[in-house]
């Protein structure tokens, strides 16, 4: 049996085709009629960008001119580093002059002693009976010498001068059979030589000088302990002995303690005379106190010694 064709099927397809074509036409018209990006806007933007570039170039030129001006002004300013160097050079020269002046003063003091020693040697050769047992005010009749040296910080700063003076003191003695070195607290430079003597030979001096250059030992800038040790171990014997106290300051509470130690250990009760000569070498500073010089002058006077003050 033949089926009947639906009457609305063809009409529906045709309608859809028409609608589709119409929609496509509209889309096509929209695509065709869409405005192209405004050329005028691009031109205007290019114009604005060119202006900005020109303004930036002007700014760069102005900044370059300012930079060049600053460089010129900076080149005319004196170099601070060179001024600092000049100041340091001037200070070094002035310091060297001051040190030279101080060294000359100390050398002059010791040269007086050495010149007197030369004169004494001549007198001894021509007329031995008239030999003066003192040289420049320092008795030099001792055969053994002990140095009690202040090893505090202020002395370490001038340590080379201290060593030089110590050896020159040995040199002014006509004959030294032995010597010893300790600090003001009684610590020996060579602990193994306690109760012994260092021979006065070139090799011994060289070893002592090398050890002194690196010696570090506590010091309280008071010779009480050193004097007690020296007089107990070496004093009161038949050897002719001189003790040299070398320092620049005295920090003890009073002078009585030092005087009491000397009266107890260095005086012969039967004769009332000191057993050992005690001298002092003072490196005196105009900025320091006079306690050291006051004490040591008194000690030297009471113990048949001499006090020699040198500029610090």
Protein backbone atom coordinates (compact mmCIF):
# COMPACT_ATOMS: atom_id res chain seq x y z
CA UNK A 1 0.00 0.00 0.00
CA UNK A 2 1.51 3.37 -0.93
CA UNK A 3 2.29 5.68 1.87
CA UNK A 4 1.03 9.15 1.83
CA UNK A 5 3.63 11.92 1.71
CA UNK A 6 3.55 14.35 4.50
CA UNK A 7 2.58 17.63 3.07
CA UNK A 8 4.54 19.82 5.58
CA UNK A 9 7.99 18.10 5.34
CA UNK A 10 9.11 19.86 2.16
CA UNK A 11 7.90 23.17 3.34
CA UNK A 12 9.83 22.80 6.61
CA UNK A 13 13.13 22.10 4.85
CA UNK A 14 12.70 24.99 2.52
CA UNK A 15 12.00 27.31 5.40
CA UNK A 16 15.12 26.20 7.21
CA UNK A 17 17.18 26.72 4.10
CA UNK A 18 15.85 30.22 3.76
CA UNK A 19 16.51 31.03 7.40
CA UNK A 20 20.05 29.63 7.20
CA UNK A 21 20.85 31.54 4.07
CA UNK A 22 19.47 34.68 5.59
CA UNK A 23 21.53 34.31 8.73
CA UNK A 24 24.65 33.65 6.68
CA UNK A 25 23.97 36.73 4.62
CA UNK A 26 23.64 38.82 7.73
CA UNK A 27 26.94 37.47 9.11
CA UNK A 28 28.62 38.17 5.81
CA UNK A 29 27.28 41.72 5.81
CA UNK A 30 28.57 42.23 9.35
CA UNK A 31 32.00 40.97 8.40
CA UNK A 32 32.14 43.14 5.32
CA UNK A 33 30.82 46.21 7.05
CA UNK A 34 33.08 45.88 10.25
CA UNK A 35 35.13 49.09 10.47
CA UNK A 36 38.89 48.76 9.93
CA UNK A 37 41.03 49.99 12.87
CA UNK A 38 41.10 53.70 12.61
CA UNK A 39 44.09 54.78 10.64
CA UNK A 40 43.69 58.23 12.01
CA UNK A 41 44.10 56.94 15.57
CA UNK A 42 47.33 55.21 14.64
CA UNK A 43 48.61 58.35 13.03
CA UNK A 44 47.72 60.37 16.11
CA UNK A 45 49.44 57.82 18.35
CA UNK A 46 52.55 57.99 16.18
CA UNK A 47 52.50 61.74 16.42
CA UNK A 48 52.24 61.61 20.24
CA UNK A 49 55.06 59.02 20.49
CA UNK A 50 57.38 61.18 18.39
CA UNK A 51 56.73 64.09 20.72
CA UNK A 52 57.55 61.97 23.74
CA UNK A 53 60.80 60.87 22.13
CA UNK A 54 61.74 64.46 21.41
CA UNK A 55 60.98 65.50 24.99
CA UNK A 56 63.02 62.58 26.36
CA UNK A 57 65.93 63.53 24.13
CA UNK A 58 65.78 67.08 25.46
CA UNK A 59 65.78 65.77 29.04
CA UNK A 60 68.78 63.55 28.33
CA UNK A 61 70.66 66.49 26.84
CA UNK A 62 69.88 68.66 29.86
CA UNK A 63 70.93 65.93 32.33
CA UNK A 64 74.12 65.33 30.37
CA UNK A 65 74.96 69.02 30.62
CA UNK A 66 74.31 68.97 34.40
CA UNK A 67 76.46 65.84 34.80
CA UNK A 68 79.32 67.46 32.90
CA UNK A 69 79.04 70.54 35.13
CA UNK A 70 79.19 68.37 38.26
CA UNK A 71 82.24 66.55 36.96
CA UNK A 72 84.00 69.83 36.31
CA UNK A 73 83.17 71.11 39.79
CA UNK A 74 84.28 67.81 41.36
CA UNK A 75 87.63 67.93 39.57
CA UNK A 76 88.33 71.32 41.16
CA UNK A 77 87.72 70.03 44.70
CA UNK A 78 91.01 68.96 46.50
CA UNK A 79 91.38 65.24 47.01
CA UNK A 80 90.64 64.43 50.70
CA UNK A 81 92.87 61.36 50.49
CA UNK A 82 95.87 63.45 49.46
CA UNK A 83 95.19 65.90 52.29
CA UNK A 84 95.03 62.98 54.75
CA UNK A 85 98.30 61.62 53.43
CA UNK A 86 99.93 65.04 53.79
CA UNK A 87 98.67 65.33 57.37
CA UNK A 88 99.96 61.85 58.20
CA UNK A 89 103.33 62.64 56.66
CA UNK A 90 103.58 65.85 58.68
CA UNK A 91 102.64 63.99 61.85
CA UNK A 92 105.20 61.26 61.15
CA UNK A 93 107.93 63.84 60.55
CA UNK A 94 107.08 65.68 63.77
CA UNK A 95 106.99 62.39 65.72
CA UNK A 96 110.37 61.39 64.29
CA UNK A 97 111.84 64.75 65.26
CA UNK A 98 110.53 64.38 68.80
CA UNK A 99 111.92 60.86 69.12
CA UNK A 100 115.27 62.04 67.78
CA UNK A 101 115.32 64.85 70.32
CA UNK A 102 114.55 62.44 73.16
CA UNK A 103 117.16 59.96 71.99
CA UNK A 104 119.74 62.72 71.79
CA UNK A 105 118.92 63.75 75.35
CA UNK A 106 119.29 60.20 76.66
CA UNK A 107 122.45 59.61 74.66
CA UNK A 108 123.97 62.81 75.99
CA UNK A 109 123.33 61.66 79.53
CA UNK A 110 124.98 58.32 78.92
CA UNK A 111 127.80 59.84 76.88
CA UNK A 112 128.73 61.94 79.91
CA UNK A 113 129.13 58.70 81.83
CA UNK A 114 131.18 57.08 79.08
CA UNK A 115 133.40 60.14 78.64
CA UNK A 116 134.06 60.18 82.35
CA UNK A 117 134.89 56.48 82.14
CA UNK A 118 137.47 57.21 79.45
CA UNK A 119 139.02 59.94 81.58
CA UNK A 120 139.05 57.61 84.57
CA UNK A 121 140.78 54.88 82.56
CA UNK A 122 143.50 57.34 81.55
CA UNK A 123 143.99 58.44 85.15
CA UNK A 124 144.16 54.82 86.25
CA UNK A 125 146.88 54.13 83.69
CA UNK A 126 148.97 57.13 84.68
CA UNK A 127 148.38 56.98 88.41
CA UNK A 128 146.40 53.93 89.63
CA UNK A 129 146.34 55.14 93.21
CA UNK A 130 144.14 58.10 92.17
CA UNK A 131 141.45 56.03 90.41
CA UNK A 132 137.94 57.42 91.04
CA UNK A 133 135.52 54.57 91.84
CA UNK A 134 132.62 56.61 90.40
CA UNK A 135 131.85 57.33 86.74
CA UNK A 136 129.51 60.20 86.03
CA UNK A 137 128.12 59.86 89.53
CA UNK A 138 127.49 56.10 89.13
CA UNK A 139 129.78 53.82 91.16
CA UNK A 140 131.28 51.21 88.83
CA UNK A 141 133.25 49.07 91.27
CA UNK A 142 130.80 46.15 91.09
CA UNK A 143 131.66 42.85 89.46
CA UNK A 144 128.06 41.63 89.21
CA UNK A 145 124.99 43.48 87.98
CA UNK A 146 121.29 42.69 88.38
CA UNK A 147 118.60 44.47 86.38
CA UNK A 148 115.11 44.71 87.84
CA UNK A 149 113.03 45.91 84.90
CA UNK A 150 109.46 47.20 84.83
CA UNK A 151 107.71 45.21 82.05
CA UNK A 152 104.44 47.12 82.06
CA UNK A 153 102.82 48.38 78.86
CA UNK A 154 104.31 51.86 79.00
CA UNK A 155 107.81 50.37 79.17
CA UNK A 156 107.17 47.90 76.36
CA UNK A 157 106.39 50.87 74.11
CA UNK A 158 110.01 52.07 74.51
CA UNK A 159 111.49 48.60 74.93
CA UNK A 160 114.29 49.02 72.36
CA UNK A 161 115.59 52.05 74.26
CA UNK A 162 115.35 50.15 77.54
CA UNK A 163 117.47 47.29 76.17
CA UNK A 164 120.02 49.71 74.75
CA UNK A 165 120.38 51.53 78.08
CA UNK A 166 120.79 48.24 79.96
CA UNK A 167 123.72 47.17 77.79
CA UNK A 168 125.33 50.59 77.98
CA UNK A 169 125.14 50.38 81.77
CA UNK A 170 127.05 47.10 81.59
CA UNK A 171 129.57 48.70 79.24
CA UNK A 172 130.46 51.48 81.68
CA UNK A 173 131.63 48.94 84.26
CA UNK A 174 135.34 48.15 83.88
CA UNK A 175 134.69 44.47 84.45
CA UNK A 176 131.49 42.47 84.80
CA UNK A 177 131.87 38.83 85.73
CA UNK A 178 128.17 38.11 85.53
CA UNK A 179 124.75 39.70 85.29
CA UNK A 180 121.11 38.77 85.70
CA UNK A 181 117.77 40.08 84.42
CA UNK A 182 114.38 39.90 86.13
CA UNK A 183 111.25 42.01 86.15
CA UNK A 184 109.84 44.04 89.02
CA UNK A 185 107.69 41.10 90.14
CA UNK A 186 110.74 38.85 90.58
CA UNK A 187 110.27 36.79 87.40
CA UNK A 188 113.56 35.89 85.73
CA UNK A 189 114.18 36.32 82.02
CA UNK A 190 115.59 32.77 82.13
CA UNK A 191 114.01 30.86 85.00
CA UNK A 192 116.56 28.07 84.60
CA UNK A 193 119.30 30.51 85.67
CA UNK A 194 117.73 31.31 89.05
CA UNK A 195 120.50 31.51 91.70
CA UNK A 196 123.07 31.58 88.86
CA UNK A 197 124.81 34.30 86.85
CA UNK A 198 124.70 34.97 83.13
CA UNK A 199 128.27 35.31 81.81
CA UNK A 200 129.13 38.63 80.22
CA UNK A 201 130.09 37.27 76.80
CA UNK A 202 129.04 38.34 73.27
CA UNK A 203 127.02 35.15 72.83
CA UNK A 204 125.30 35.58 76.18
CA UNK A 205 124.41 39.18 75.37
CA UNK A 206 123.01 38.14 72.00
CA UNK A 207 120.80 35.48 73.61
CA UNK A 208 119.61 37.92 76.29
CA UNK A 209 118.80 40.62 73.74
CA UNK A 210 116.84 38.18 71.56
CA UNK A 211 114.88 36.95 74.58
CA UNK A 212 114.23 40.47 75.86
CA UNK A 213 112.70 41.48 72.52
CA UNK A 214 109.90 38.91 72.97
CA UNK A 215 109.69 38.88 76.77
CA UNK A 216 106.17 39.15 78.14
CA UNK A 217 105.77 39.04 81.89
CA UNK A 218 103.20 40.51 84.26
CA UNK A 219 104.24 43.73 85.95
CA UNK A 220 102.60 45.87 88.64
CA UNK A 221 105.14 48.72 88.32
CA UNK A 222 106.38 48.18 91.86
CA UNK A 223 109.90 46.81 92.49
CA UNK A 224 109.15 45.32 95.91
CA UNK A 225 108.93 41.68 94.78
CA UNK A 226 111.92 42.00 92.47
CA UNK A 227 114.08 43.55 95.21
CA UNK A 228 113.13 40.83 97.69
CA UNK A 229 114.01 38.08 95.20
CA UNK A 230 117.32 39.68 94.15
CA UNK A 231 118.52 40.44 97.68
CA UNK A 232 117.51 37.04 99.09
CA UNK A 233 119.17 35.07 96.29
CA UNK A 234 122.24 37.21 95.55
CA UNK A 235 122.65 39.86 98.27
CA UNK A 236 124.88 39.71 101.33
CA UNK A 237 127.66 37.75 99.64
CA UNK A 238 131.28 38.66 99.09
CA UNK A 239 130.78 39.56 95.43
CA UNK A 240 130.62 43.24 94.62
CA UNK A 241 127.02 43.59 93.50
CA UNK A 242 124.97 46.42 92.01
CA UNK A 243 121.22 46.34 91.40
CA UNK A 244 119.71 48.61 88.76
CA UNK A 245 115.98 49.27 88.99
CA UNK A 246 114.70 50.32 85.56
CA UNK A 247 111.21 51.79 85.20
CA UNK A 248 109.00 54.79 84.53
CA UNK A 249 106.32 54.72 87.22
CA UNK A 250 105.57 53.53 90.74
CA UNK A 251 102.04 52.29 91.48
CA UNK A 252 102.56 51.11 95.06
CA UNK A 253 100.38 52.46 97.82
CA UNK A 254 103.27 54.06 99.70
CA UNK A 255 107.07 54.36 99.71
CA UNK A 256 107.37 52.76 103.15
CA UNK A 257 107.05 49.20 101.86
CA UNK A 258 110.07 49.57 99.56
CA UNK A 259 112.16 51.26 102.28
CA UNK A 260 111.17 48.57 104.79
CA UNK A 261 112.24 45.73 102.46
CA UNK A 262 115.61 47.37 101.87
CA UNK A 263 116.21 48.04 105.54
CA UNK A 264 115.44 44.40 106.36
CA UNK A 265 117.41 42.72 103.55
CA UNK A 266 120.16 45.11 102.46
CA UNK A 267 121.64 46.54 105.63
CA UNK A 268 124.38 45.07 107.72
CA UNK A 269 123.13 45.27 111.28
CA UNK A 270 126.62 45.48 112.76
CA UNK A 271 127.94 48.24 110.49
CA UNK A 272 124.65 49.89 109.53
CA UNK A 273 125.83 50.03 105.91
CA UNK A 274 124.07 48.68 102.81
CA UNK A 275 125.38 45.38 101.51
CA UNK A 276 124.47 45.99 97.87
CA UNK A 277 124.54 49.16 95.80
CA UNK A 278 121.12 50.01 94.40
CA UNK A 279 120.84 52.38 91.45
CA UNK A 280 117.86 53.42 89.39
CA UNK A 281 117.33 54.38 85.76
CA UNK A 282 114.09 56.31 85.27
CA UNK A 283 112.43 56.91 81.90
CA UNK A 284 110.53 60.01 82.96
CA UNK A 285 107.65 61.56 81.03
CA UNK A 286 106.47 65.13 81.45
CA UNK A 287 102.90 63.80 81.45
CA UNK A 288 103.52 61.29 84.25
CA UNK A 289 103.77 61.69 88.00
CA UNK A 290 106.98 62.20 89.97
CA UNK A 291 106.36 59.25 92.31
CA UNK A 292 108.98 57.06 90.66
CA UNK A 293 111.74 59.66 90.70
CA UNK A 294 110.92 60.68 94.29
CA UNK A 295 111.09 57.10 95.52
CA UNK A 296 114.16 56.05 93.55
CA UNK A 297 116.21 59.07 94.51
CA UNK A 298 115.54 58.18 98.14
CA UNK A 299 116.36 54.50 97.54
CA UNK A 300 119.62 55.31 95.74
CA UNK A 301 120.69 57.75 98.45
CA UNK A 302 120.06 55.23 101.23
CA UNK A 303 121.85 52.37 99.40
CA UNK A 304 125.09 53.94 98.13
CA UNK A 305 123.66 54.25 94.63
CA UNK A 306 122.80 56.84 91.99
CA UNK A 307 119.64 57.87 90.18
CA UNK A 308 119.73 58.69 86.45
CA UNK A 309 116.62 60.22 84.88
CA UNK A 310 116.13 59.93 81.10
CA UNK A 311 113.34 61.45 79.00
CA UNK A 312 110.64 58.95 78.16
